[in-house]
N, C-alpha and C. Protein backbone atom coordinates (compact mmCIF):
# COMPACT_ATOMS: atom_id res chain seq x y z
N MET A 1 -21.03 25.88 -5.73
CA MET A 1 -20.62 24.50 -5.57
C MET A 1 -19.81 24.37 -4.27
N PRO A 2 -20.18 23.42 -3.40
CA PRO A 2 -19.45 23.27 -2.14
C PRO A 2 -18.03 22.78 -2.36
N VAL A 3 -17.14 23.27 -1.54
CA VAL A 3 -15.73 22.87 -1.61
C VAL A 3 -15.52 21.75 -0.60
N PHE A 4 -14.82 20.68 -1.02
CA PHE A 4 -14.52 19.57 -0.13
C PHE A 4 -13.48 20.01 0.91
N THR A 5 -13.79 19.81 2.17
CA THR A 5 -12.84 20.07 3.23
C THR A 5 -12.54 18.74 3.91
N PRO A 6 -11.30 18.26 3.79
CA PRO A 6 -11.00 16.98 4.43
C PRO A 6 -11.05 17.06 5.94
N PRO A 7 -11.34 15.93 6.58
CA PRO A 7 -11.33 15.94 8.03
C PRO A 7 -9.92 16.24 8.55
N THR A 8 -9.82 16.76 9.73
CA THR A 8 -8.51 17.07 10.32
C THR A 8 -8.02 15.96 11.22
N ALA A 9 -8.91 15.14 11.74
CA ALA A 9 -8.53 14.03 12.59
C ALA A 9 -8.49 12.76 11.72
N PRO A 10 -7.75 11.73 12.17
CA PRO A 10 -7.71 10.49 11.40
C PRO A 10 -9.13 9.96 11.15
N THR A 11 -9.32 9.38 9.95
CA THR A 11 -10.61 8.81 9.55
C THR A 11 -10.58 7.30 9.88
N LEU A 12 -11.31 6.96 10.93
CA LEU A 12 -11.33 5.56 11.37
C LEU A 12 -12.76 4.96 11.39
N ASP A 13 -13.77 5.78 11.11
CA ASP A 13 -15.15 5.29 11.27
C ASP A 13 -15.52 4.14 10.37
N HIS A 14 -14.84 4.00 9.25
CA HIS A 14 -15.15 2.91 8.33
C HIS A 14 -14.07 1.83 8.31
N VAL A 15 -13.02 2.01 9.11
CA VAL A 15 -11.91 1.04 9.23
C VAL A 15 -12.36 -0.12 10.08
N ASP A 16 -12.14 -1.34 9.63
CA ASP A 16 -12.51 -2.54 10.38
C ASP A 16 -11.33 -2.92 11.27
N LEU A 17 -11.38 -2.45 12.51
CA LEU A 17 -10.29 -2.70 13.45
C LEU A 17 -10.20 -4.15 13.87
N ASP A 18 -11.30 -4.85 13.85
CA ASP A 18 -11.27 -6.32 14.14
C ASP A 18 -10.50 -7.05 13.03
N ALA A 19 -10.79 -6.71 11.79
CA ALA A 19 -10.11 -7.33 10.69
C ALA A 19 -8.60 -6.94 10.69
N LEU A 20 -8.31 -5.78 11.15
CA LEU A 20 -6.88 -5.37 11.25
C LEU A 20 -6.08 -6.35 12.12
N GLU A 21 -6.72 -6.86 13.13
CA GLU A 21 -6.05 -7.83 14.04
C GLU A 21 -6.22 -9.28 13.62
N GLN A 22 -7.28 -9.59 12.84
CA GLN A 22 -7.62 -10.98 12.58
C GLN A 22 -7.30 -11.48 11.16
N THR A 23 -7.04 -10.55 10.22
CA THR A 23 -6.79 -10.95 8.84
C THR A 23 -5.53 -11.76 8.73
N VAL A 24 -5.63 -12.80 7.91
CA VAL A 24 -4.47 -13.66 7.60
C VAL A 24 -4.13 -13.41 6.13
N LEU A 25 -2.88 -13.02 5.87
CA LEU A 25 -2.42 -12.74 4.52
C LEU A 25 -2.18 -14.05 3.80
N PRO A 26 -2.03 -14.02 2.48
CA PRO A 26 -1.82 -15.26 1.73
C PRO A 26 -0.60 -16.09 2.16
N ASP A 27 0.35 -15.50 2.87
CA ASP A 27 1.52 -16.28 3.33
C ASP A 27 1.24 -16.92 4.70
N GLY A 28 0.02 -16.78 5.22
CA GLY A 28 -0.35 -17.43 6.47
C GLY A 28 -0.13 -16.59 7.71
N GLY A 29 0.42 -15.40 7.59
CA GLY A 29 0.68 -14.54 8.71
C GLY A 29 -0.28 -13.38 8.76
N PRO A 30 -0.26 -12.65 9.91
CA PRO A 30 -1.15 -11.48 10.05
C PRO A 30 -0.58 -10.26 9.29
N PHE A 31 -1.33 -9.17 9.35
CA PHE A 31 -0.77 -7.90 8.85
C PHE A 31 0.56 -7.66 9.59
N PRO A 32 1.56 -7.09 8.93
CA PRO A 32 2.82 -6.82 9.59
C PRO A 32 2.67 -5.89 10.82
N PRO A 33 3.56 -6.04 11.82
CA PRO A 33 3.43 -5.24 13.04
C PRO A 33 3.61 -3.74 12.82
N SER A 34 4.27 -3.30 11.79
CA SER A 34 4.41 -1.83 11.57
C SER A 34 3.15 -1.26 10.89
N TYR A 35 2.42 -2.09 10.18
CA TYR A 35 1.18 -1.66 9.46
C TYR A 35 0.03 -1.45 10.45
N ARG A 36 -0.12 -2.37 11.40
CA ARG A 36 -1.28 -2.30 12.30
C ARG A 36 -1.33 -1.02 13.13
N PRO A 37 -0.27 -0.60 13.79
CA PRO A 37 -0.33 0.69 14.54
C PRO A 37 -0.45 1.88 13.60
N PHE A 38 0.09 1.80 12.42
CA PHE A 38 -0.05 2.87 11.45
C PHE A 38 -1.52 3.11 11.13
N VAL A 39 -2.23 2.03 10.80
CA VAL A 39 -3.65 2.14 10.46
C VAL A 39 -4.44 2.64 11.66
N ARG A 40 -4.18 2.08 12.86
CA ARG A 40 -4.92 2.52 14.05
C ARG A 40 -4.69 4.02 14.34
N ALA A 41 -3.50 4.51 14.09
CA ALA A 41 -3.19 5.91 14.40
C ALA A 41 -3.58 6.87 13.25
N GLU A 42 -3.41 6.40 12.03
CA GLU A 42 -3.62 7.33 10.90
C GLU A 42 -4.91 7.14 10.13
N GLY A 43 -5.49 5.93 10.20
CA GLY A 43 -6.74 5.67 9.49
C GLY A 43 -6.53 5.71 7.98
N TRP A 44 -7.50 6.32 7.31
CA TRP A 44 -7.52 6.39 5.84
C TRP A 44 -7.16 7.81 5.43
N GLY A 45 -6.22 7.89 4.48
CA GLY A 45 -5.87 9.22 3.97
C GLY A 45 -4.82 9.15 2.89
N ARG A 46 -4.36 10.33 2.48
CA ARG A 46 -3.39 10.47 1.39
C ARG A 46 -2.05 10.83 2.07
N LEU A 47 -1.07 9.93 1.91
CA LEU A 47 0.22 10.09 2.53
C LEU A 47 1.16 10.81 1.58
N PHE A 48 1.86 11.82 2.09
CA PHE A 48 2.84 12.61 1.32
C PHE A 48 2.22 13.20 0.06
N GLY A 49 0.94 13.52 0.12
CA GLY A 49 0.24 14.11 -0.99
C GLY A 49 0.00 13.20 -2.18
N LEU A 50 0.29 11.91 -2.01
CA LEU A 50 0.27 11.02 -3.17
C LEU A 50 -0.23 9.58 -2.90
N TRP A 51 0.21 8.99 -1.79
CA TRP A 51 -0.01 7.58 -1.52
C TRP A 51 -1.29 7.28 -0.73
N LEU A 52 -2.00 6.26 -1.15
CA LEU A 52 -3.17 5.74 -0.43
C LEU A 52 -2.80 4.40 0.15
N VAL A 53 -2.65 4.33 1.48
CA VAL A 53 -2.36 3.07 2.18
C VAL A 53 -3.69 2.51 2.58
N TYR A 54 -4.03 1.33 2.00
CA TYR A 54 -5.37 0.77 2.18
C TYR A 54 -5.53 0.01 3.50
N PRO A 55 -6.48 0.45 4.33
CA PRO A 55 -6.77 -0.29 5.55
C PRO A 55 -7.88 -1.32 5.28
N PRO A 56 -8.07 -2.27 6.18
CA PRO A 56 -9.26 -3.12 6.09
C PRO A 56 -10.47 -2.23 6.40
N VAL A 57 -11.53 -2.40 5.62
CA VAL A 57 -12.72 -1.57 5.80
C VAL A 57 -13.95 -2.38 6.08
N LEU A 58 -14.93 -1.77 6.71
CA LEU A 58 -16.20 -2.42 7.00
C LEU A 58 -16.94 -2.66 5.68
N ALA A 59 -17.84 -3.63 5.71
CA ALA A 59 -18.65 -3.96 4.54
C ALA A 59 -19.40 -2.70 4.06
N GLY A 60 -19.43 -2.52 2.76
CA GLY A 60 -20.13 -1.38 2.16
C GLY A 60 -19.26 -0.19 1.88
N TYR A 61 -17.97 -0.28 2.18
CA TYR A 61 -17.04 0.83 1.93
C TYR A 61 -16.00 0.44 0.86
N ALA A 62 -15.58 1.45 0.15
CA ALA A 62 -14.61 1.26 -0.93
C ALA A 62 -13.19 1.52 -0.39
N ASP A 63 -12.24 1.37 -1.27
CA ASP A 63 -10.82 1.75 -1.02
C ASP A 63 -10.24 1.08 0.18
N GLY A 64 -10.38 -0.23 0.27
CA GLY A 64 -9.83 -0.93 1.40
C GLY A 64 -9.41 -2.33 1.10
N TRP A 65 -9.07 -2.99 2.17
CA TRP A 65 -8.66 -4.38 2.18
C TRP A 65 -9.88 -5.23 2.38
N PRO A 66 -10.17 -6.27 1.69
CA PRO A 66 -9.36 -6.85 0.64
C PRO A 66 -9.78 -6.44 -0.78
N GLY A 67 -10.93 -5.81 -0.95
CA GLY A 67 -11.44 -5.54 -2.28
C GLY A 67 -10.48 -4.78 -3.18
N ARG A 68 -10.12 -3.58 -2.81
CA ARG A 68 -9.27 -2.76 -3.67
C ARG A 68 -7.87 -3.37 -3.79
N THR A 69 -7.32 -3.84 -2.70
CA THR A 69 -5.96 -4.39 -2.76
C THR A 69 -5.91 -5.69 -3.60
N THR A 70 -6.96 -6.47 -3.55
CA THR A 70 -7.01 -7.69 -4.35
C THR A 70 -6.98 -7.32 -5.85
N ARG A 71 -7.83 -6.39 -6.25
CA ARG A 71 -7.87 -5.99 -7.66
C ARG A 71 -6.53 -5.37 -8.11
N LEU A 72 -5.94 -4.55 -7.28
CA LEU A 72 -4.65 -3.94 -7.64
C LEU A 72 -3.53 -4.98 -7.72
N THR A 73 -3.57 -5.94 -6.83
CA THR A 73 -2.58 -7.02 -6.88
C THR A 73 -2.73 -7.85 -8.14
N GLU A 74 -3.99 -8.18 -8.51
CA GLU A 74 -4.25 -8.90 -9.76
C GLU A 74 -3.70 -8.11 -10.94
N ARG A 75 -3.97 -6.80 -10.96
CA ARG A 75 -3.48 -5.93 -12.04
C ARG A 75 -1.96 -5.96 -12.10
N PHE A 76 -1.33 -5.85 -10.93
CA PHE A 76 0.14 -5.92 -10.87
C PHE A 76 0.66 -7.24 -11.43
N HIS A 77 0.11 -8.36 -10.96
CA HIS A 77 0.56 -9.68 -11.42
C HIS A 77 0.34 -9.87 -12.92
N GLU A 78 -0.79 -9.45 -13.43
CA GLU A 78 -1.07 -9.53 -14.86
C GLU A 78 -0.06 -8.73 -15.67
N SER A 79 0.25 -7.52 -15.21
CA SER A 79 1.22 -6.67 -15.92
C SER A 79 2.58 -7.32 -15.93
N TYR A 80 3.01 -7.83 -14.79
CA TYR A 80 4.33 -8.47 -14.71
C TYR A 80 4.39 -9.79 -15.47
N ALA A 81 3.30 -10.56 -15.46
CA ALA A 81 3.28 -11.79 -16.23
C ALA A 81 3.41 -11.49 -17.73
N ASP A 82 2.69 -10.46 -18.19
CA ASP A 82 2.85 -10.03 -19.60
C ASP A 82 4.26 -9.59 -19.89
N GLY A 83 4.84 -8.82 -18.98
CA GLY A 83 6.23 -8.38 -19.17
C GLY A 83 7.22 -9.52 -19.23
N ARG A 84 7.00 -10.49 -18.39
CA ARG A 84 7.89 -11.67 -18.41
C ARG A 84 7.76 -12.42 -19.74
N THR A 85 6.51 -12.59 -20.21
CA THR A 85 6.29 -13.28 -21.49
C THR A 85 6.95 -12.54 -22.64
N GLU A 86 6.91 -11.23 -22.59
CA GLU A 86 7.50 -10.41 -23.67
C GLU A 86 9.00 -10.26 -23.52
N GLY A 87 9.58 -10.74 -22.42
CA GLY A 87 11.01 -10.61 -22.20
C GLY A 87 11.46 -9.23 -21.74
N TYR A 88 10.58 -8.51 -21.08
CA TYR A 88 10.89 -7.15 -20.63
C TYR A 88 11.57 -7.22 -19.25
N ASP A 89 12.79 -7.71 -19.22
CA ASP A 89 13.51 -7.90 -17.95
C ASP A 89 13.70 -6.59 -17.19
N TRP A 90 13.68 -5.48 -17.86
CA TRP A 90 13.83 -4.18 -17.22
C TRP A 90 12.70 -3.94 -16.22
N MET A 91 11.58 -4.64 -16.34
CA MET A 91 10.48 -4.43 -15.41
C MET A 91 10.82 -4.87 -13.96
N VAL A 92 11.77 -5.76 -13.80
CA VAL A 92 12.14 -6.20 -12.44
C VAL A 92 13.41 -5.53 -11.94
N GLU A 93 13.96 -4.65 -12.75
CA GLU A 93 15.17 -3.91 -12.32
C GLU A 93 14.73 -2.72 -11.47
N PRO A 94 15.52 -2.16 -10.61
CA PRO A 94 16.92 -2.47 -10.40
C PRO A 94 17.20 -3.55 -9.34
N ASP A 95 16.15 -3.91 -8.54
CA ASP A 95 16.44 -4.76 -7.39
C ASP A 95 15.77 -6.12 -7.37
N GLY A 96 14.87 -6.40 -8.31
CA GLY A 96 14.03 -7.61 -8.20
C GLY A 96 14.36 -8.66 -9.22
N ASP A 97 13.46 -9.65 -9.32
CA ASP A 97 13.52 -10.71 -10.32
C ASP A 97 12.09 -11.22 -10.52
N TRP A 98 11.93 -12.08 -11.51
CA TRP A 98 10.58 -12.55 -11.84
C TRP A 98 9.92 -13.36 -10.71
N PRO A 99 10.63 -14.27 -10.08
CA PRO A 99 9.96 -15.00 -8.96
C PRO A 99 9.53 -14.07 -7.82
N LEU A 100 10.29 -13.02 -7.54
CA LEU A 100 9.89 -12.06 -6.56
C LEU A 100 8.58 -11.40 -6.92
N ALA A 101 8.43 -10.97 -8.18
CA ALA A 101 7.22 -10.29 -8.62
C ALA A 101 5.97 -11.14 -8.34
N GLU A 102 6.11 -12.44 -8.42
CA GLU A 102 4.97 -13.34 -8.15
C GLU A 102 4.56 -13.37 -6.70
N ARG A 103 5.49 -13.04 -5.80
CA ARG A 103 5.22 -13.09 -4.34
C ARG A 103 4.72 -11.75 -3.75
N LEU A 104 4.62 -10.73 -4.56
CA LEU A 104 4.30 -9.39 -4.06
C LEU A 104 2.79 -9.18 -3.93
N GLN A 105 2.39 -8.49 -2.87
CA GLN A 105 0.99 -8.15 -2.57
C GLN A 105 0.86 -6.64 -2.38
N VAL A 106 0.01 -6.00 -3.17
CA VAL A 106 -0.21 -4.57 -3.05
C VAL A 106 -0.92 -4.24 -1.74
N PHE A 107 -0.43 -3.19 -1.06
CA PHE A 107 -1.13 -2.68 0.12
C PHE A 107 -1.29 -1.15 0.05
N ALA A 108 -0.63 -0.53 -0.94
CA ALA A 108 -0.79 0.93 -1.09
C ALA A 108 -0.56 1.25 -2.58
N TRP A 109 -1.19 2.34 -3.04
CA TRP A 109 -1.14 2.74 -4.43
C TRP A 109 -1.01 4.24 -4.46
N SER A 110 -0.21 4.74 -5.40
CA SER A 110 -0.05 6.18 -5.53
C SER A 110 -1.02 6.70 -6.59
N GLU A 111 -1.28 7.97 -6.50
CA GLU A 111 -2.19 8.58 -7.50
C GLU A 111 -1.58 8.71 -8.86
N ASN A 112 -0.29 8.35 -8.99
CA ASN A 112 0.32 8.35 -10.33
C ASN A 112 0.65 6.93 -10.81
N GLY A 113 0.05 5.91 -10.19
CA GLY A 113 0.15 4.54 -10.66
C GLY A 113 1.30 3.71 -10.15
N ASP A 114 1.93 4.13 -9.08
CA ASP A 114 2.96 3.35 -8.43
C ASP A 114 2.34 2.47 -7.34
N ALA A 115 3.03 1.41 -6.97
CA ALA A 115 2.52 0.50 -5.95
C ALA A 115 3.52 0.28 -4.87
N LEU A 116 3.01 0.13 -3.61
CA LEU A 116 3.81 -0.40 -2.53
C LEU A 116 3.32 -1.81 -2.28
N LEU A 117 4.28 -2.72 -2.11
CA LEU A 117 3.93 -4.14 -2.02
C LEU A 117 4.71 -4.85 -0.92
N TRP A 118 4.03 -5.74 -0.27
CA TRP A 118 4.67 -6.64 0.70
C TRP A 118 5.24 -7.82 -0.03
N GLU A 119 6.43 -8.25 0.37
CA GLU A 119 6.99 -9.49 -0.16
C GLU A 119 6.56 -10.61 0.75
N LEU A 120 5.52 -11.34 0.30
CA LEU A 120 5.03 -12.46 1.09
C LEU A 120 6.08 -13.53 1.17
N GLY A 121 6.25 -14.11 2.37
CA GLY A 121 7.27 -15.09 2.61
C GLY A 121 8.60 -14.50 3.08
N SER A 122 8.65 -13.21 3.28
CA SER A 122 9.94 -12.56 3.73
C SER A 122 9.91 -12.16 5.19
N ARG A 123 8.99 -12.72 5.96
CA ARG A 123 8.85 -12.27 7.35
C ARG A 123 10.11 -12.50 8.16
N ASP A 124 10.43 -11.51 9.00
CA ASP A 124 11.53 -11.67 9.93
C ASP A 124 10.97 -12.28 11.24
N ALA A 125 11.78 -12.38 12.27
CA ALA A 125 11.38 -13.01 13.54
C ALA A 125 10.21 -12.24 14.19
N GLN A 126 10.07 -10.96 13.91
CA GLN A 126 9.01 -10.15 14.51
C GLN A 126 7.73 -10.15 13.59
N GLY A 127 7.80 -10.77 12.45
CA GLY A 127 6.66 -10.85 11.56
C GLY A 127 6.61 -9.72 10.52
N GLU A 128 7.64 -8.92 10.48
CA GLU A 128 7.72 -7.79 9.54
C GLU A 128 8.02 -8.30 8.15
N LEU A 129 7.47 -7.62 7.14
CA LEU A 129 7.69 -7.99 5.73
C LEU A 129 8.54 -6.95 5.02
N VAL A 130 9.32 -7.40 4.03
CA VAL A 130 10.07 -6.51 3.15
C VAL A 130 9.09 -5.77 2.28
N ILE A 131 9.30 -4.47 2.09
CA ILE A 131 8.43 -3.65 1.27
C ILE A 131 9.15 -3.22 0.00
N TRP A 132 8.43 -3.36 -1.13
CA TRP A 132 8.94 -3.00 -2.43
C TRP A 132 8.07 -1.90 -3.04
N GLU A 133 8.65 -1.15 -3.95
CA GLU A 133 7.89 -0.19 -4.71
C GLU A 133 8.02 -0.53 -6.21
N SER A 134 6.90 -0.48 -6.90
CA SER A 134 6.91 -0.62 -8.32
C SER A 134 6.51 0.71 -8.90
N ARG A 135 7.42 1.35 -9.60
CA ARG A 135 7.12 2.68 -10.17
C ARG A 135 6.55 2.51 -11.57
N GLY A 136 5.29 2.92 -11.70
CA GLY A 136 4.60 2.82 -12.98
C GLY A 136 4.42 1.37 -13.46
N LEU A 137 4.52 0.43 -12.55
CA LEU A 137 4.45 -1.02 -12.86
C LEU A 137 5.53 -1.38 -13.87
N ASN A 138 6.69 -0.71 -13.79
CA ASN A 138 7.80 -0.92 -14.71
C ASN A 138 9.13 -1.08 -14.05
N SER A 139 9.18 -1.27 -12.75
CA SER A 139 10.44 -1.44 -12.04
C SER A 139 10.15 -1.95 -10.64
N LEU A 140 11.17 -2.52 -10.01
CA LEU A 140 11.04 -2.98 -8.61
C LEU A 140 12.18 -2.40 -7.80
N HIS A 141 11.82 -1.66 -6.75
CA HIS A 141 12.81 -1.03 -5.87
C HIS A 141 12.56 -1.52 -4.47
N ARG A 142 13.59 -2.09 -3.81
CA ARG A 142 13.44 -2.54 -2.42
C ARG A 142 13.56 -1.31 -1.52
N LEU A 143 12.49 -1.07 -0.74
CA LEU A 143 12.48 0.05 0.19
C LEU A 143 12.98 -0.32 1.58
N GLY A 144 12.86 -1.57 1.94
CA GLY A 144 13.37 -2.01 3.26
C GLY A 144 12.39 -2.89 3.99
N LEU A 145 12.81 -3.25 5.19
CA LEU A 145 12.00 -4.13 6.06
C LEU A 145 11.03 -3.28 6.87
N GLY A 146 9.75 -3.48 6.65
CA GLY A 146 8.74 -2.81 7.42
C GLY A 146 8.34 -1.42 6.90
N LEU A 147 7.20 -1.00 7.39
CA LEU A 147 6.63 0.27 6.96
C LEU A 147 7.48 1.48 7.36
N HIS A 148 8.17 1.39 8.48
CA HIS A 148 9.01 2.52 8.92
C HIS A 148 10.08 2.81 7.89
N ALA A 149 10.74 1.78 7.42
CA ALA A 149 11.81 1.95 6.39
C ALA A 149 11.23 2.49 5.10
N ALA A 150 10.09 1.92 4.68
CA ALA A 150 9.47 2.35 3.43
C ALA A 150 9.02 3.83 3.52
N LEU A 151 8.41 4.21 4.63
CA LEU A 151 7.97 5.60 4.76
C LEU A 151 9.15 6.57 4.80
N ALA A 152 10.24 6.15 5.42
CA ALA A 152 11.42 7.04 5.44
C ALA A 152 11.93 7.26 4.02
N ALA A 153 11.95 6.20 3.21
CA ALA A 153 12.40 6.36 1.80
C ALA A 153 11.43 7.24 1.02
N LEU A 154 10.14 7.05 1.20
CA LEU A 154 9.16 7.86 0.49
C LEU A 154 9.20 9.31 0.96
N ARG A 155 9.37 9.53 2.25
CA ARG A 155 9.45 10.88 2.79
C ARG A 155 10.66 11.61 2.20
N GLU A 156 11.75 10.96 2.12
CA GLU A 156 12.96 11.58 1.53
C GLU A 156 12.71 11.96 0.07
N ARG A 157 12.09 11.06 -0.69
CA ARG A 157 11.78 11.36 -2.10
C ARG A 157 10.74 12.47 -2.22
N ALA A 158 9.83 12.59 -1.24
CA ALA A 158 8.82 13.63 -1.30
C ALA A 158 9.41 14.99 -1.00
N GLY A 159 10.72 15.08 -0.72
CA GLY A 159 11.36 16.33 -0.46
C GLY A 159 10.89 16.96 0.82
N ALA A 160 10.67 16.15 1.87
CA ALA A 160 10.24 16.60 3.16
C ALA A 160 9.03 17.52 3.07
N LEU A 161 8.20 17.27 2.05
CA LEU A 161 6.94 18.01 1.89
C LEU A 161 7.14 19.50 1.90
N ALA A 162 8.05 19.92 1.03
CA ALA A 162 8.42 21.32 0.93
C ALA A 162 7.23 22.23 0.61
N ASP A 163 6.16 21.67 0.05
CA ASP A 163 5.02 22.50 -0.27
C ASP A 163 4.10 22.77 0.93
N GLY A 164 4.44 22.23 2.10
CA GLY A 164 3.69 22.52 3.31
C GLY A 164 2.51 21.58 3.57
N ARG A 165 2.23 20.61 2.69
CA ARG A 165 1.14 19.70 2.93
C ARG A 165 1.44 18.83 4.16
N PRO A 166 0.42 18.39 4.85
CA PRO A 166 0.70 17.45 5.96
C PRO A 166 1.15 16.11 5.41
N GLU A 167 1.87 15.34 6.25
CA GLU A 167 2.32 14.03 5.79
C GLU A 167 1.15 13.17 5.43
N LEU A 168 0.09 13.20 6.24
CA LEU A 168 -1.11 12.40 5.95
C LEU A 168 -2.32 13.31 5.98
N GLU A 169 -3.00 13.39 4.85
CA GLU A 169 -4.25 14.15 4.76
C GLU A 169 -5.37 13.18 4.95
N PRO A 170 -6.11 13.24 6.08
CA PRO A 170 -7.25 12.32 6.29
C PRO A 170 -8.27 12.49 5.20
N LEU A 171 -8.84 11.38 4.76
CA LEU A 171 -9.87 11.39 3.73
C LEU A 171 -11.12 10.68 4.29
N PRO A 172 -12.30 11.10 3.89
CA PRO A 172 -13.51 10.40 4.35
C PRO A 172 -13.67 9.05 3.70
N GLY A 173 -14.26 8.10 4.40
CA GLY A 173 -14.57 6.80 3.81
C GLY A 173 -15.65 6.96 2.76
N ALA A 174 -15.49 6.22 1.69
CA ALA A 174 -16.47 6.28 0.60
C ALA A 174 -17.31 5.00 0.58
N ARG A 175 -18.61 5.20 0.57
CA ARG A 175 -19.52 4.04 0.50
C ARG A 175 -19.60 3.54 -0.92
N ILE A 176 -19.76 2.21 -1.03
CA ILE A 176 -19.95 1.58 -2.32
C ILE A 176 -21.41 1.74 -2.73
N ALA A 177 -21.64 2.19 -3.93
CA ALA A 177 -23.02 2.38 -4.42
C ALA A 177 -23.68 0.99 -4.63
N ASP A 178 -24.91 0.90 -4.24
CA ASP A 178 -25.65 -0.34 -4.41
C ASP A 178 -26.17 -0.46 -5.79
């Protein structure tokens, strides 16, 4: 049985670089300025051995914007709407509230069910968005303004990758089956 060997260079062949510059998010603004150079430089891969940051992808490819992120955002909103109905206020702790949960947009997902989300409507003068983490869809943690702040917080939690894995493991683009 062949062993999968991930590419060593960033995977960009299925990333839609035009959409990266032209997409308008639901709040009326473009992708945040820290996200665009990250996608151009890093492409598609697994960050810190765990996180999948979804880029816009060309038609016919999976795991990208808007298909995968739309479904994950819907899942997030449904889960939080149910939690609000049930009175599970702990779901928005330690840093959030119910109206905030309604404004969040998934842009990355971890392999253990956590989400990174942009707070739509929180843009600063440079167009950067506040980033939140939902751990297990059961809490809201403010990671900071922009991807740089969020990645620093995730890097610290990842223990500086003590196991020797690269920060970003490039992954091949996956085609959608017809």
